[in-house]
Amino acid sequence: MTIKRKYNSLDITKLIMATVVIGIHTKPFINCSSELVQNVWAMVSGCAVPFFFLATGYLLAVKFKEPWGAPDNTAVIVAYISKVVKLYTVWSAIYLPLAIADYVKEKRTLLYSIFHYFRGFFLVGEHHNSWMLWYLLSTIYALLFVLVFIRLRLPFRAVLLGGALIMVVSIALDSLVAWEGYKPTVLYGLKMLIQLTIANGRILQGAFYIPWGMVLARKKLPLWANCTIFLLAFTGGGITDRAEARAGLIAVCSIALFGIVEQIKLKDSAAFPVMRKMSTVLYFTHLYVWTFYYIVVYGETTYGPDCFFAVTGICITIALLYTAIKGNTKQKNVNLQKTVGLSNILDRLLQEVCGGIGILLRISPEIA
């Protein structure tokens, strides 16, 4: 019998990172004037989505067989892509009303709205107040990238190299979009092209982090090494003023952090599966909650610590209710199955008894 391995430390860290993602969008430190606080928050928040990417790659790779390009591994990736595509489509549909409301509010034309929405759906991974969806689209493209390398029968180190090059391009594109030059040069033309298509380099990040998550499922640095790398990268990112340098240090910091968390072994508890479900609920619902919160309370888009705490509290409540209801539903199904099973047994016993009575009725005259 195969015992399914549990990843308790990943579950609790996912919940923490989902809360950090809420902070990214509600901006609790927007009015903080401390440069140190802002830099520390930039590093903490910068590690949130990369952690989810790394977890995706890691949890896929633990299912892999040797060699890494085996057909079974391809099937695992294809199945997961299918799952993410469905998830992305469903949540895009759920957030569609917010996009439509924004187009109406901004008095956009129908042609503009259609183009903008399809661009967001296929190239950017976000629409109005549904920014977290880019993680799903980036995951889809990243896994397709991995599949191409498998189909070409290239070694896994080629995937890592390709992912590293893509990450460099991602950082470069982010830097180009932030560039404030407006002269009619090749760079300006490229900047406009990026803004009209993928918006920035963010959508490419999954192709770097997911393969690294796969590496961490097979190869591990000692805990002390991960801790040292994390502290050095975090400190460097906290003191640098260069966005490009900070982006690179966030990548190193995220990988080291995941290496630390993955090696922490926590005793099993019923709380960890709940945390896993809660992190998903928080991640996908918080922007809807935030939208309703600032409309009801402020009447306009608002950020700040009150938004963060209110949205986090409401989302946690929703997540707890969801897990409780889902748990009760499962228990009812289990009880129903038990009832059906008991009914079948009783029915079988009744048939045997009736059959026995019939036999006795048939032979009783002979006895008499």
Protein backbone atom coordinates (compact mmCIF):
# COMPACT_ATOMS: atom_id res chain seq x y z
CA MET A 1 0.00 0.00 0.00
CA THR A 2 1.44 3.38 -1.04
CA ILE A 3 1.21 6.09 1.62
CA LYS A 4 0.47 9.47 0.12
CA ARG A 5 3.06 11.99 1.23
CA LYS A 6 1.79 15.17 2.86
CA TYR A 7 3.31 18.62 2.44
CA ASN A 8 2.21 20.38 5.60
CA SER A 9 4.87 23.10 5.52
CA LEU A 10 3.87 23.97 1.95
CA ASP A 11 0.20 24.16 2.95
CA ILE A 12 0.76 26.67 5.75
CA THR A 13 3.16 28.76 3.66
CA LYS A 14 0.67 28.86 0.77
CA LEU A 15 -1.89 30.36 3.14
CA ILE A 16 0.64 32.96 4.29
CA MET A 17 1.55 33.80 0.70
CA ALA A 18 -2.12 34.08 -0.29
CA THR A 19 -2.46 36.67 2.47
CA VAL A 20 0.59 38.47 1.09
CA VAL A 21 -1.07 38.52 -2.35
CA ILE A 22 -4.05 40.27 -0.75
CA GLY A 23 -1.55 42.81 0.56
CA ILE A 24 -0.06 43.28 -2.92
CA HIS A 25 -3.45 44.36 -4.26
CA THR A 26 -4.80 46.30 -1.27
CA LYS A 27 -1.45 48.07 -0.52
CA PRO A 28 -1.42 48.27 3.30
CA PHE A 29 1.82 50.30 3.29
CA ILE A 30 0.75 52.82 0.67
CA ASN A 31 1.03 55.74 3.11
CA CYS A 32 4.19 54.53 4.84
CA SER A 33 7.10 56.94 4.32
CA SER A 34 9.80 54.56 5.60
CA GLU A 35 12.04 53.47 2.74
CA LEU A 36 13.20 50.45 4.76
CA VAL A 37 9.62 49.23 5.29
CA GLN A 38 8.83 49.71 1.62
CA ASN A 39 11.94 47.78 0.56
CA VAL A 40 11.27 44.94 2.98
CA TRP A 41 7.65 44.74 1.79
CA ALA A 42 8.86 44.71 -1.84
CA MET A 43 10.99 41.66 -1.09
CA VAL A 44 8.28 39.85 0.92
CA SER A 45 5.57 40.54 -1.66
CA GLY A 46 7.93 39.71 -4.51
CA CYS A 47 8.31 36.14 -3.21
CA ALA A 48 4.56 35.41 -3.02
CA VAL A 49 3.58 34.37 -6.56
CA PRO A 50 6.99 32.77 -7.27
CA PHE A 51 6.35 30.50 -4.29
CA PHE A 52 3.13 29.27 -5.94
CA PHE A 53 5.00 28.68 -9.21
CA LEU A 54 7.72 26.73 -7.41
CA ALA A 55 5.10 24.68 -5.56
CA THR A 56 3.42 23.84 -8.87
CA GLY A 57 6.66 22.58 -10.40
CA TYR A 58 7.61 20.72 -7.23
CA LEU A 59 4.28 18.91 -6.80
CA LEU A 60 4.28 17.91 -10.48
CA ALA A 61 7.84 16.60 -10.34
CA VAL A 62 7.23 14.35 -7.32
CA LYS A 63 4.89 12.41 -9.62
CA PHE A 64 7.51 12.07 -12.37
CA LYS A 65 9.29 8.88 -13.29
CA GLU A 66 12.78 8.44 -14.69
CA PRO A 67 13.84 9.57 -17.22
CA TRP A 68 12.29 13.01 -16.98
CA GLY A 69 11.05 12.84 -20.59
CA ALA A 70 9.08 9.62 -20.00
CA PRO A 71 5.59 9.42 -21.58
CA ASP A 72 4.02 9.13 -18.12
CA ASN A 73 5.55 12.48 -17.18
CA THR A 74 4.12 14.06 -20.31
CA ALA A 75 0.70 12.72 -19.33
CA VAL A 76 1.04 14.28 -15.86
CA ILE A 77 1.85 17.68 -17.35
CA VAL A 78 -0.90 17.52 -19.98
CA ALA A 79 -3.47 16.57 -17.33
CA TYR A 80 -2.40 19.49 -15.16
CA ILE A 81 -2.52 21.93 -18.08
CA SER A 82 -6.07 20.79 -18.76
CA LYS A 83 -6.97 21.41 -15.13
CA VAL A 84 -5.43 24.90 -15.11
CA VAL A 85 -7.11 25.84 -18.41
CA LYS A 86 -10.49 24.95 -16.91
CA LEU A 87 -9.69 26.87 -13.73
CA TYR A 88 -8.53 29.92 -15.70
CA THR A 89 -11.63 29.88 -17.92
CA VAL A 90 -14.02 29.53 -14.98
CA TRP A 91 -12.44 32.31 -12.91
CA SER A 92 -12.19 34.58 -15.94
CA ALA A 93 -15.93 34.10 -16.42
CA ILE A 94 -16.57 34.81 -12.73
CA TYR A 95 -14.65 38.09 -12.95
CA LEU A 96 -16.14 39.04 -16.34
CA PRO A 97 -18.87 41.26 -14.77
CA LEU A 98 -16.18 43.45 -13.20
CA ALA A 99 -14.49 43.86 -16.59
CA ILE A 100 -17.79 44.73 -18.29
CA ALA A 101 -18.66 47.22 -15.54
CA ASP A 102 -15.28 48.91 -16.01
CA TYR A 103 -15.71 49.17 -19.80
CA VAL A 104 -19.14 50.74 -19.28
CA LYS A 105 -17.83 53.13 -16.62
CA GLU A 106 -14.93 54.23 -18.84
CA LYS A 107 -17.33 54.53 -21.82
CA ARG A 108 -15.25 52.22 -23.98
CA THR A 109 -16.43 51.25 -27.43
CA LEU A 110 -17.54 47.69 -28.10
CA LEU A 111 -14.60 47.09 -30.45
CA TYR A 112 -12.09 48.38 -27.90
CA SER A 113 -13.67 46.30 -25.13
CA ILE A 114 -13.56 43.09 -27.16
CA PHE A 115 -9.94 43.65 -28.23
CA HIS A 116 -8.86 44.62 -24.72
CA TYR A 117 -10.58 41.64 -23.12
CA PHE A 118 -9.17 39.06 -25.56
CA ARG A 119 -5.72 40.61 -25.20
CA GLY A 120 -6.06 40.28 -21.44
CA PHE A 121 -7.35 36.73 -21.68
CA PHE A 122 -4.71 35.31 -24.04
CA LEU A 123 -1.63 37.51 -23.53
CA VAL A 124 -1.70 39.25 -20.15
CA GLY A 125 -3.77 37.06 -17.84
CA GLU A 126 -5.75 39.81 -16.18
CA HIS A 127 -8.73 42.13 -16.53
CA HIS A 128 -10.16 44.87 -14.34
CA ASN A 129 -9.68 43.87 -10.68
CA SER A 130 -8.76 40.30 -11.57
CA TRP A 131 -5.01 40.71 -11.63
CA MET A 132 -4.23 37.45 -9.83
CA LEU A 133 -5.35 35.39 -12.85
CA TRP A 134 -2.03 36.00 -14.62
CA TYR A 135 -0.52 33.25 -12.47
CA LEU A 136 -2.76 30.67 -14.15
CA LEU A 137 -2.04 31.87 -17.69
CA SER A 138 1.68 32.02 -17.00
CA THR A 139 1.50 28.46 -15.62
CA ILE A 140 -0.18 27.24 -18.82
CA TYR A 141 2.48 28.80 -21.04
CA ALA A 142 5.30 27.61 -18.78
CA LEU A 143 4.14 23.99 -18.89
CA LEU A 144 3.72 24.17 -22.66
CA PHE A 145 7.32 25.41 -22.74
CA VAL A 146 8.40 22.36 -20.71
CA LEU A 147 6.43 20.04 -23.00
CA VAL A 148 8.23 21.43 -26.07
CA PHE A 149 11.57 20.52 -24.53
CA ILE A 150 10.30 17.05 -23.68
CA ARG A 151 9.04 16.54 -27.24
CA LEU A 152 12.43 17.64 -28.56
CA ARG A 153 14.03 15.12 -26.17
CA LEU A 154 16.32 17.77 -24.73
CA PRO A 155 17.93 17.25 -21.31
CA PHE A 156 16.38 18.93 -18.30
CA ARG A 157 19.32 21.31 -17.93
CA ALA A 158 18.27 22.78 -21.28
CA VAL A 159 14.88 23.63 -19.75
CA LEU A 160 16.63 25.38 -16.86
CA LEU A 161 18.87 27.31 -19.22
CA GLY A 162 15.93 28.27 -21.42
CA GLY A 163 13.94 29.33 -18.35
CA ALA A 164 16.85 31.46 -17.12
CA LEU A 165 17.09 33.21 -20.48
CA ILE A 166 13.35 33.83 -20.45
CA MET A 167 13.64 35.32 -16.95
CA VAL A 168 16.35 37.70 -18.17
CA VAL A 169 14.05 38.72 -21.04
CA SER A 170 11.18 39.17 -18.55
CA ILE A 171 13.26 41.52 -16.37
CA ALA A 172 14.48 43.39 -19.44
CA LEU A 173 10.92 43.88 -20.71
CA ASP A 174 9.79 45.16 -17.31
CA SER A 175 12.66 47.61 -17.36
CA LEU A 176 11.79 48.71 -20.90
CA VAL A 177 8.14 49.31 -20.01
CA ALA A 178 9.23 51.41 -17.00
CA TRP A 179 11.59 53.40 -19.23
CA GLU A 180 10.41 56.99 -19.56
CA GLY A 181 11.99 57.81 -22.89
CA TYR A 182 9.58 59.00 -25.57
CA LYS A 183 11.78 59.60 -28.59
CA PRO A 184 10.85 57.73 -31.79
CA THR A 185 13.57 55.11 -31.46
CA VAL A 186 13.63 51.33 -31.87
CA LEU A 187 13.42 50.94 -28.09
CA TYR A 188 10.38 53.18 -27.90
CA GLY A 189 8.70 51.23 -30.69
CA LEU A 190 9.44 47.97 -28.86
CA LYS A 191 8.07 49.46 -25.65
CA MET A 192 4.81 50.35 -27.38
CA LEU A 193 4.60 46.86 -28.91
CA ILE A 194 5.03 45.24 -25.49
CA GLN A 195 2.39 47.50 -23.95
CA LEU A 196 -0.08 46.65 -26.72
CA THR A 197 0.49 42.89 -26.39
CA ILE A 198 1.76 41.26 -23.19
CA ALA A 199 1.88 44.57 -21.21
CA ASN A 200 5.17 43.65 -19.48
CA GLY A 201 7.48 40.70 -18.91
CA ARG A 202 5.54 39.22 -16.01
CA ILE A 203 3.70 36.52 -18.01
CA LEU A 204 7.07 34.88 -18.80
CA GLN A 205 8.08 34.27 -15.18
CA GLY A 206 6.40 30.88 -14.83
CA ALA A 207 8.82 29.42 -17.40
CA PHE A 208 11.65 30.15 -14.95
CA TYR A 209 10.12 29.23 -11.59
CA ILE A 210 8.18 26.06 -12.47
CA PRO A 211 11.25 24.19 -13.83
CA TRP A 212 13.16 25.26 -10.72
CA GLY A 213 10.36 23.83 -8.60
CA MET A 214 10.88 20.57 -10.48
CA VAL A 215 14.59 20.69 -9.64
CA LEU A 216 13.86 21.18 -5.94
CA ALA A 217 11.80 17.97 -5.94
CA ARG A 218 14.93 15.97 -6.82
CA LYS A 219 17.95 17.98 -5.66
CA LYS A 220 18.20 19.74 -2.31
CA LEU A 221 20.71 22.09 -0.74
CA PRO A 222 21.39 21.74 2.98
CA LEU A 223 19.08 23.80 5.15
CA TRP A 224 21.92 26.03 6.33
CA ALA A 225 22.85 26.82 2.71
CA ASN A 226 19.29 27.78 1.81
CA CYS A 227 19.05 29.97 4.93
CA THR A 228 22.33 31.72 4.08
CA ILE A 229 21.34 32.33 0.45
CA PHE A 230 17.92 33.60 1.53
CA LEU A 231 19.32 36.06 4.07
CA LEU A 232 21.94 37.40 1.64
CA ALA A 233 19.45 37.79 -1.22
CA PHE A 234 16.77 39.30 1.02
CA THR A 235 19.22 41.80 2.49
CA GLY A 236 20.59 42.71 -0.93
CA GLY A 237 17.10 43.24 -2.32
CA GLY A 238 16.20 45.36 0.68
CA ILE A 239 19.03 47.83 0.18
CA THR A 240 19.29 48.07 -3.61
CA ASP A 241 17.57 50.85 -5.54
CA ARG A 242 17.82 49.09 -8.89
CA ALA A 243 14.60 47.39 -9.96
CA GLU A 244 16.47 44.94 -12.21
CA ALA A 245 18.82 43.88 -9.40
CA ARG A 246 15.92 43.48 -6.98
CA ALA A 247 14.02 41.31 -9.49
CA GLY A 248 17.00 38.98 -9.79
CA LEU A 249 17.47 38.84 -6.02
CA ILE A 250 13.75 38.09 -5.55
CA ALA A 251 14.20 35.07 -7.83
CA VAL A 252 17.14 33.79 -5.76
CA CYS A 253 15.33 34.60 -2.52
CA SER A 254 12.17 32.77 -3.62
CA ILE A 255 14.03 29.59 -4.56
CA ALA A 256 15.98 29.58 -1.29
CA LEU A 257 12.80 30.23 0.71
CA PHE A 258 11.06 27.32 -0.96
CA GLY A 259 14.09 25.14 -0.20
CA ILE A 260 13.80 26.10 3.47
CA VAL A 261 10.04 25.50 3.69
CA GLU A 262 10.22 22.17 1.85
CA GLN A 263 12.67 20.81 4.43
CA ILE A 264 10.55 21.79 7.43
CA LYS A 265 8.66 18.72 8.63
CA LEU A 266 5.46 19.37 10.59
CA LYS A 267 3.35 16.78 12.35
CA ASP A 268 0.12 15.87 10.58
CA SER A 269 -2.94 17.80 11.61
CA ALA A 270 -6.44 18.25 10.23
CA ALA A 271 -5.63 21.97 10.03
CA PHE A 272 -3.23 21.62 7.11
CA PRO A 273 -5.72 20.39 4.47
CA VAL A 274 -8.01 23.21 5.59
CA MET A 275 -5.18 25.71 5.13
CA ARG A 276 -4.56 24.37 1.63
CA LYS A 277 -8.19 24.95 0.65
CA MET A 278 -8.26 28.33 2.38
CA SER A 279 -5.23 29.57 0.45
CA THR A 280 -7.03 28.81 -2.82
CA VAL A 281 -10.20 30.59 -1.68
CA LEU A 282 -8.25 33.64 -0.49
CA TYR A 283 -6.25 33.84 -3.70
CA PHE A 284 -9.20 33.72 -6.08
CA THR A 285 -11.89 35.62 -4.16
CA HIS A 286 -10.05 38.53 -2.55
CA LEU A 287 -10.30 40.95 -5.48
CA TYR A 288 -14.08 40.55 -5.64
CA VAL A 289 -14.26 41.15 -1.88
CA TRP A 290 -11.97 44.17 -2.16
CA THR A 291 -14.07 45.61 -5.01
CA PHE A 292 -17.30 45.37 -3.01
CA TYR A 293 -15.56 46.68 0.11
CA TYR A 294 -14.24 49.90 -1.39
CA ILE A 295 -17.49 50.52 -3.30
CA VAL A 296 -19.62 50.16 -0.18
CA VAL A 297 -17.27 51.98 2.20
CA TYR A 298 -15.61 54.60 -0.02
CA GLY A 299 -17.51 54.67 -3.28
CA GLU A 300 -14.24 54.60 -5.25
CA THR A 301 -11.06 52.57 -5.61
CA THR A 302 -9.18 52.77 -2.31
CA TYR A 303 -6.08 51.19 -0.83
CA GLY A 304 -4.66 51.06 2.66
CA PRO A 305 -4.33 49.00 5.86
CA ASP A 306 -8.07 49.00 6.55
CA CYS A 307 -8.70 47.49 3.10
CA PHE A 308 -6.09 44.83 3.75
CA PHE A 309 -7.41 43.80 7.17
CA ALA A 310 -11.07 43.98 6.17
CA VAL A 311 -10.60 42.00 2.95
CA THR A 312 -8.37 39.44 4.66
CA GLY A 313 -10.87 38.97 7.49
CA ILE A 314 -13.83 38.60 5.13
CA CYS A 315 -11.94 36.18 2.86
CA ILE A 316 -10.84 34.04 5.80
CA THR A 317 -14.45 33.89 6.97
CA ILE A 318 -15.60 32.87 3.50
CA ALA A 319 -12.83 30.27 3.29
CA LEU A 320 -13.71 28.76 6.68
CA LEU A 321 -17.39 28.59 5.74
CA TYR A 322 -16.52 27.02 2.40
CA THR A 323 -14.29 24.35 3.92
CA ALA A 324 -16.86 23.61 6.62
CA ILE A 325 -19.70 23.25 4.11
CA LYS A 326 -17.56 21.16 1.76
CA GLY A 327 -16.45 18.99 4.65
CA ASN A 328 -20.04 18.43 5.77
CA THR A 329 -21.07 17.61 2.22
CA LYS A 330 -18.32 15.01 1.95
CA GLN A 331 -19.30 13.54 5.31
CA LYS A 332 -22.93 13.29 4.17
CA ASN A 333 -21.81 11.53 1.01
CA VAL A 334 -19.71 9.12 3.06
CA ASN A 335 -22.66 8.47 5.38
CA LEU A 336 -24.93 7.97 2.37
CA GLN A 337 -22.47 5.50 0.88
CA LYS A 338 -22.34 3.69 4.20
CA THR A 339 -26.13 3.69 4.35
CA VAL A 340 -26.38 2.39 0.79
CA GLY A 341 -23.77 -0.24 1.57
CA LEU A 342 -25.66 -1.30 4.71
CA SER A 343 -28.91 -1.33 2.74
CA ASN A 344 -27.34 -3.61 0.14
CA ILE A 345 -26.14 -5.95 2.84
CA LEU A 346 -29.56 -6.03 4.53
CA ASP A 347 -31.23 -6.54 1.16
CA ARG A 348 -28.91 -9.46 0.40
CA LEU A 349 -29.58 -10.98 3.80
CA LEU A 350 -33.33 -10.57 3.25
CA GLN A 351 -33.06 -12.31 -0.11
CA GLU A 352 -31.14 -15.19 1.48
CA VAL A 353 -33.71 -15.48 4.27
CA CYS A 354 -36.59 -15.41 1.79
CA GLY A 355 -34.83 -17.99 -0.34
CA GLY A 356 -34.32 -20.15 2.72
CA ILE A 357 -37.98 -19.82 3.67
CA GLY A 358 -38.98 -20.80 0.13
CA ILE A 359 -36.82 -23.90 0.29
CA LEU A 360 -38.29 -24.81 3.66
CA LEU A 361 -41.81 -24.36 2.31
CA ARG A 362 -41.00 -26.63 -0.62
CA ILE A 363 -39.52 -29.43 1.47
CA SER A 364 -41.83 -29.19 4.47
CA PRO A 365 -44.56 -31.52 3.05
CA GLU A 366 -41.94 -34.20 2.41
CA ILE A 367 -40.87 -33.93 6.03
CA ALA A 368 -44.41 -34.18 7.19
